[in-house]
Amino acid sequence: MMRRLTTSVLLVAFVGMASSGLMMLVVDQPSFTMRLHPVHKVFGILLVAAVGVHLFTQAATLRRHLKAPVARSVAGLVLTLLVICYALAWMNPVAPESAQQLDDMARRIESGEAWVAPQAVSPAAQPPGLSPQPSLCDAPSGGR
């Protein structure tokens, strides 16, 4: 039963992480990345927890798999790639003032402060001649 539950959570968490990560990669806009980051974080935590349970329950099988030299070599290569990527990221610092601005923006977005909808202006409070929504007459003409 534990294996079925873990597999289900792994599947959904992976889909959540992969889809949000791919969307952030494809839509290359910092504002979009900031909006999607909480989703990516939640499913990342779920994925890490599910992988932990999976590794704990399947430790003996994993040890058996890693006895094969090819599997051990591939795991070593992927681990080396991970260490190199972390080292490159660590050696590429962000300017302190930019980092502070990004951190403040992320905090506001994740706390919900940045999601306050603009207040609608009542028609009575608007100056004469301005309508809240453009009419068809306000659209640019096609060349007349």
Protein backbone atom coordinates (compact mmCIF):
# COMPACT_ATOMS: atom_id res chain seq x y z
CA MET A 1 0.00 0.00 0.00
CA MET A 2 2.83 2.42 0.90
CA ARG A 3 4.47 1.76 -2.47
CA ARG A 4 1.25 2.61 -4.35
CA LEU A 5 0.75 5.83 -2.39
CA THR A 6 4.37 6.85 -2.82
CA THR A 7 4.25 6.15 -6.56
CA SER A 8 1.06 8.21 -6.94
CA VAL A 9 2.52 11.17 -5.04
CA LEU A 10 5.78 10.87 -7.00
CA LEU A 11 3.89 10.95 -10.29
CA VAL A 12 1.76 14.00 -9.44
CA ALA A 13 4.64 15.86 -7.80
CA PHE A 14 6.87 15.18 -10.80
CA VAL A 15 4.20 16.40 -13.22
CA GLY A 16 3.74 19.54 -11.10
CA MET A 17 7.49 20.24 -10.90
CA ALA A 18 8.16 19.41 -14.54
CA SER A 19 5.22 21.37 -15.95
CA SER A 20 5.85 24.47 -13.82
CA GLY A 21 9.59 24.30 -14.55
CA LEU A 22 9.02 23.94 -18.29
CA MET A 23 6.51 26.79 -18.29
CA MET A 24 9.02 29.03 -16.50
CA LEU A 25 11.65 28.00 -19.05
CA VAL A 26 9.43 28.60 -22.09
CA VAL A 27 7.79 31.81 -20.87
CA ASP A 28 10.99 33.72 -20.27
CA GLN A 29 9.51 36.57 -18.22
CA PRO A 30 10.61 37.19 -14.64
CA SER A 31 7.06 38.23 -13.68
CA PHE A 32 5.70 34.88 -14.86
CA THR A 33 8.49 33.01 -13.06
CA MET A 34 7.70 34.90 -9.85
CA ARG A 35 4.00 34.05 -10.13
CA LEU A 36 4.64 30.37 -10.78
CA HIS A 37 7.41 29.96 -8.21
CA PRO A 38 5.08 29.10 -5.26
CA VAL A 39 3.58 26.22 -7.30
CA HIS A 40 7.07 25.01 -8.18
CA LYS A 41 8.10 25.17 -4.51
CA VAL A 42 5.09 23.25 -3.18
CA PHE A 43 5.45 20.44 -5.70
CA GLY A 44 9.22 20.43 -5.12
CA ILE A 45 8.66 19.80 -1.42
CA LEU A 46 6.16 17.04 -2.23
CA LEU A 47 8.62 15.49 -4.67
CA VAL A 48 11.49 15.54 -2.16
CA ALA A 49 9.29 13.99 0.54
CA ALA A 50 8.00 11.27 -1.80
CA VAL A 51 11.52 10.49 -3.06
CA GLY A 52 12.68 10.23 0.56
CA VAL A 53 9.95 7.72 1.36
CA HIS A 54 10.68 5.83 -1.86
CA LEU A 55 14.42 5.65 -1.12
CA PHE A 56 13.75 4.51 2.45
CA THR A 57 11.34 1.77 1.40
CA GLN A 58 13.46 0.65 -1.58
CA ALA A 59 16.96 0.98 -0.06
CA ALA A 60 17.88 -2.68 -0.51
CA THR A 61 16.83 -2.64 -4.18
CA LEU A 62 18.78 0.56 -4.77
CA ARG A 63 21.91 -0.93 -3.23
CA ARG A 64 21.55 -3.97 -5.50
CA HIS A 65 21.19 -1.75 -8.56
CA LEU A 66 24.28 0.28 -7.64
CA LYS A 67 26.44 -2.86 -7.45
CA ALA A 68 26.56 -2.88 -11.25
CA PRO A 69 29.57 -0.88 -12.48
CA VAL A 70 27.62 0.83 -15.28
CA ALA A 71 24.87 2.01 -12.92
CA ARG A 72 27.46 3.25 -10.43
CA SER A 73 29.33 5.10 -13.20
CA VAL A 74 26.19 6.78 -14.54
CA ALA A 75 25.17 7.81 -11.03
CA GLY A 76 28.67 9.23 -10.49
CA LEU A 77 28.54 11.20 -13.76
CA VAL A 78 25.13 12.67 -12.97
CA LEU A 79 26.28 13.55 -9.45
CA THR A 80 29.37 15.24 -10.91
CA LEU A 81 27.17 17.24 -13.29
CA LEU A 82 25.05 18.33 -10.31
CA VAL A 83 28.12 19.48 -8.36
CA ILE A 84 29.45 21.40 -11.40
CA CYS A 85 26.09 23.13 -11.94
CA TYR A 86 25.92 24.14 -8.26
CA ALA A 87 29.51 25.42 -8.39
CA LEU A 88 28.81 27.50 -11.52
CA ALA A 89 25.68 28.96 -9.94
CA TRP A 90 27.58 29.74 -6.73
CA MET A 91 30.35 31.52 -8.68
CA ASN A 92 27.84 33.69 -10.54
CA PRO A 93 26.65 36.11 -7.83
CA VAL A 94 23.89 38.69 -8.20
CA ALA A 95 24.63 42.28 -7.23
CA PRO A 96 23.48 42.85 -3.61
CA GLU A 97 21.05 45.66 -4.51
CA SER A 98 19.48 43.60 -7.31
CA ALA A 99 19.27 40.57 -5.03
CA GLN A 100 17.50 42.63 -2.36
CA GLN A 101 14.98 43.96 -4.88
CA LEU A 102 14.29 40.45 -6.19
CA ASP A 103 13.95 39.04 -2.67
CA ASP A 104 11.53 41.83 -1.66
CA MET A 105 9.47 41.31 -4.81
CA ALA A 106 9.32 37.54 -4.27
CA ARG A 107 8.28 38.02 -0.64
CA ARG A 108 5.45 40.38 -1.67
CA ILE A 109 4.24 38.03 -4.40
CA GLU A 110 4.36 34.91 -2.22
CA SER A 111 2.61 36.66 0.68
CA GLY A 112 -0.16 37.86 -1.63
CA GLU A 113 0.57 41.58 -1.26
CA ALA A 114 1.24 41.98 -4.97
CA TRP A 115 -2.04 40.30 -5.96
CA VAL A 116 -4.39 43.05 -4.79
CA ALA A 117 -6.75 43.81 -7.64
CA PRO A 118 -7.02 47.44 -8.72
CA GLN A 119 -10.06 49.21 -7.36
CA ALA A 120 -12.80 49.86 -9.90
CA VAL A 121 -13.74 53.49 -10.25
CA SER A 122 -17.46 54.12 -10.07
CA PRO A 123 -18.93 55.92 -13.11
CA ALA A 124 -20.11 58.79 -10.87
CA ALA A 125 -16.53 59.47 -9.71
CA GLN A 126 -15.14 59.74 -13.26
CA PRO A 127 -14.83 63.03 -15.10
CA PRO A 128 -17.48 63.63 -17.77
CA GLY A 129 -16.72 62.15 -21.13
CA LEU A 130 -14.66 59.20 -19.85
CA SER A 131 -16.23 55.78 -19.85
CA PRO A 132 -14.86 52.89 -17.75
CA GLN A 133 -14.54 50.68 -20.83
CA PRO A 134 -13.78 51.76 -24.38
CA SER A 135 -16.69 51.64 -26.78
CA LEU A 136 -16.54 50.56 -30.39
CA CYS A 137 -16.23 54.22 -31.34
CA ASP A 138 -12.97 54.43 -29.37
CA ALA A 139 -11.29 51.70 -31.46
CA PRO A 140 -8.83 52.97 -34.07
CA SER A 141 -10.33 53.05 -37.53
CA GLY A 142 -8.87 50.95 -40.27
CA GLY A 143 -7.75 53.83 -42.48
CA ARG A 144 -10.71 56.18 -42.91
